[in-house]
Amino acid sequence: MSTYVKETTKTRNEAIQAIEASLQEAKFGVLWNFDLSAKLEEKGVQPPAPYTILEVCNPSIAANVLNENLLAGAFLPCKIVVFEEDEVIKIAMPLPTKLMGEFGDERILTTAKEVEQQLITCIDQAAE
């Protein structure tokens, strides 16, 4: 599977606040909190579900990855999404190991594994 998904009993807003707090503790910043469903509605398009995209980054880790391969920046920052599906709130992300694995660079893959585990921990904590 190329994504990690965790369900929560929290509301969408509570889940967003919880993931932002969990990320901050792990030294990841939220660069952008994008309410995609609101933007679609603004453009006259009915969204399929309430949907928020968070772009998250740890600056020192991002710099290390870019020092290894500048093309890796195409996969930065990491994305975490919070959405409602079948009346259940879900927090999800594409797995960094799947995205960065394409480079065939063991150092980048090692970093991706570390980031992936940190972000999974943040998601799990936020979902509790």
Protein backbone atom coordinates (compact mmCIF):
# COMPACT_ATOMS: atom_id res chain seq x y z
CA MET A 1 0.00 0.00 0.00
CA SER A 2 1.31 3.44 -0.86
CA THR A 3 -0.70 5.39 1.71
CA TYR A 4 -1.21 5.29 5.45
CA VAL A 5 -4.77 5.90 6.66
CA LYS A 6 -6.02 6.19 10.24
CA GLU A 7 -9.64 6.66 11.29
CA THR A 8 -10.60 8.86 14.23
CA THR A 9 -13.72 9.61 16.21
CA LYS A 10 -12.76 13.29 16.30
CA THR A 11 -14.46 15.90 14.16
CA ARG A 12 -12.55 17.10 11.12
CA ASN A 13 -11.55 20.34 12.87
CA GLU A 14 -10.50 18.47 16.02
CA ALA A 15 -8.43 16.08 13.91
CA ILE A 16 -6.74 18.97 12.11
CA GLN A 17 -5.90 20.68 15.40
CA ALA A 18 -4.63 17.40 16.86
CA ILE A 19 -2.39 16.61 13.89
CA GLU A 20 -0.99 20.14 13.87
CA ALA A 21 -0.14 19.85 17.59
CA SER A 22 1.39 16.40 17.15
CA LEU A 23 3.49 17.60 14.21
CA GLN A 24 4.73 20.59 16.18
CA GLU A 25 5.91 18.29 18.99
CA ALA A 26 7.82 16.26 16.40
CA LYS A 27 9.42 19.44 15.00
CA PHE A 28 7.43 19.44 11.78
CA GLY A 29 5.85 22.69 10.71
CA VAL A 30 2.61 23.07 8.81
CA LEU A 31 3.50 25.21 5.81
CA TRP A 32 0.00 25.29 4.43
CA ASN A 33 -3.42 24.32 5.71
CA PHE A 34 -5.53 24.17 2.57
CA ASP A 35 -9.28 23.60 2.89
CA LEU A 36 -9.81 22.05 -0.52
CA SER A 37 -13.54 21.58 -0.05
CA ALA A 38 -14.00 25.30 0.72
CA LYS A 39 -11.95 26.26 -2.35
CA LEU A 40 -13.99 23.99 -4.59
CA GLU A 41 -17.22 25.48 -3.24
CA GLU A 42 -15.82 28.98 -3.83
CA LYS A 43 -15.28 28.00 -7.47
CA GLY A 44 -18.85 26.68 -7.79
CA VAL A 45 -17.90 23.01 -7.61
CA GLN A 46 -19.51 20.71 -5.08
CA PRO A 47 -16.76 18.78 -3.25
CA PRO A 48 -17.30 15.05 -2.74
CA ALA A 49 -16.48 15.43 0.96
CA PRO A 50 -15.01 17.83 3.51
CA TYR A 51 -11.27 17.72 2.67
CA THR A 52 -8.20 19.48 4.06
CA ILE A 53 -4.63 19.15 2.80
CA LEU A 54 -1.74 19.95 5.15
CA GLU A 55 1.72 20.46 3.71
CA VAL A 56 4.25 19.63 6.41
CA CYS A 57 8.01 19.93 6.63
CA ASN A 58 10.97 19.53 8.94
CA PRO A 59 13.44 22.07 7.49
CA SER A 60 16.65 20.27 8.47
CA ILE A 61 15.43 16.97 7.06
CA ALA A 62 14.28 18.68 3.85
CA ALA A 63 17.70 20.32 3.45
CA ASN A 64 19.45 16.96 3.93
CA VAL A 65 17.29 15.33 1.27
CA LEU A 66 17.90 18.19 -1.17
CA ASN A 67 21.64 17.94 -0.53
CA GLU A 68 21.43 14.31 -1.68
CA ASN A 69 19.33 14.97 -4.78
CA LEU A 70 17.71 18.21 -5.87
CA LEU A 71 15.02 16.32 -7.78
CA ALA A 72 13.77 14.98 -4.43
CA GLY A 73 12.30 18.44 -3.91
CA ALA A 74 9.51 17.43 -6.29
CA PHE A 75 8.17 15.31 -3.41
CA LEU A 76 8.53 17.98 -0.73
CA PRO A 77 6.84 19.03 1.45
CA CYS A 78 5.07 15.94 2.78
CA LYS A 79 1.28 15.94 2.58
CA ILE A 80 -1.20 14.85 5.21
CA VAL A 81 -4.89 14.93 4.40
CA VAL A 82 -7.90 15.02 6.71
CA PHE A 83 -11.21 14.11 5.16
CA GLU A 84 -14.61 12.63 5.80
CA GLU A 85 -15.64 9.41 4.09
CA ASP A 86 -18.82 7.52 4.91
CA GLU A 87 -19.33 9.72 7.97
CA VAL A 88 -15.89 8.77 9.33
CA ILE A 89 -12.99 11.22 9.68
CA LYS A 90 -9.72 9.91 8.28
CA ILE A 91 -6.16 11.17 8.46
CA ALA A 92 -3.92 9.94 5.66
CA MET A 93 -0.61 10.46 3.88
CA PRO A 94 1.31 9.06 0.94
CA LEU A 95 4.21 6.99 2.26
CA PRO A 96 7.53 8.84 1.90
CA THR A 97 9.32 5.51 1.33
CA LYS A 98 7.19 4.87 -1.74
CA LEU A 99 7.74 8.38 -3.10
CA MET A 100 11.47 8.58 -2.39
CA GLY A 101 12.17 4.93 -3.22
CA GLU A 102 12.16 5.80 -6.89
CA PHE A 103 15.52 7.57 -6.53
CA GLY A 104 17.39 4.36 -5.76
CA ASP A 105 19.51 6.23 -3.20
CA GLU A 106 19.91 4.39 0.09
CA ARG A 107 20.59 7.58 2.07
CA ILE A 108 17.38 9.19 0.82
CA LEU A 109 15.45 5.98 1.50
CA THR A 110 16.83 5.80 5.05
CA THR A 111 15.70 9.38 5.66
CA ALA A 112 12.31 8.62 4.10
CA LYS A 113 11.88 5.65 6.47
CA GLU A 114 12.65 7.87 9.47
CA VAL A 115 10.24 10.59 8.32
CA GLU A 116 7.56 8.03 7.53
CA GLN A 117 7.75 6.55 11.03
CA GLN A 118 7.68 10.00 12.64
CA LEU A 119 4.64 11.04 10.62
CA ILE A 120 2.81 7.77 11.30
CA THR A 121 3.40 8.35 15.01
CA CYS A 122 2.02 11.89 14.68
CA ILE A 123 -1.06 10.64 12.83
CA ASP A 124 -1.65 7.86 15.36
CA GLN A 125 -1.36 10.32 18.26
CA ALA A 126 -3.70 12.79 16.58
CA ALA A 127 -6.29 10.09 15.89
CA GLU A 128 -6.49 8.97 19.55
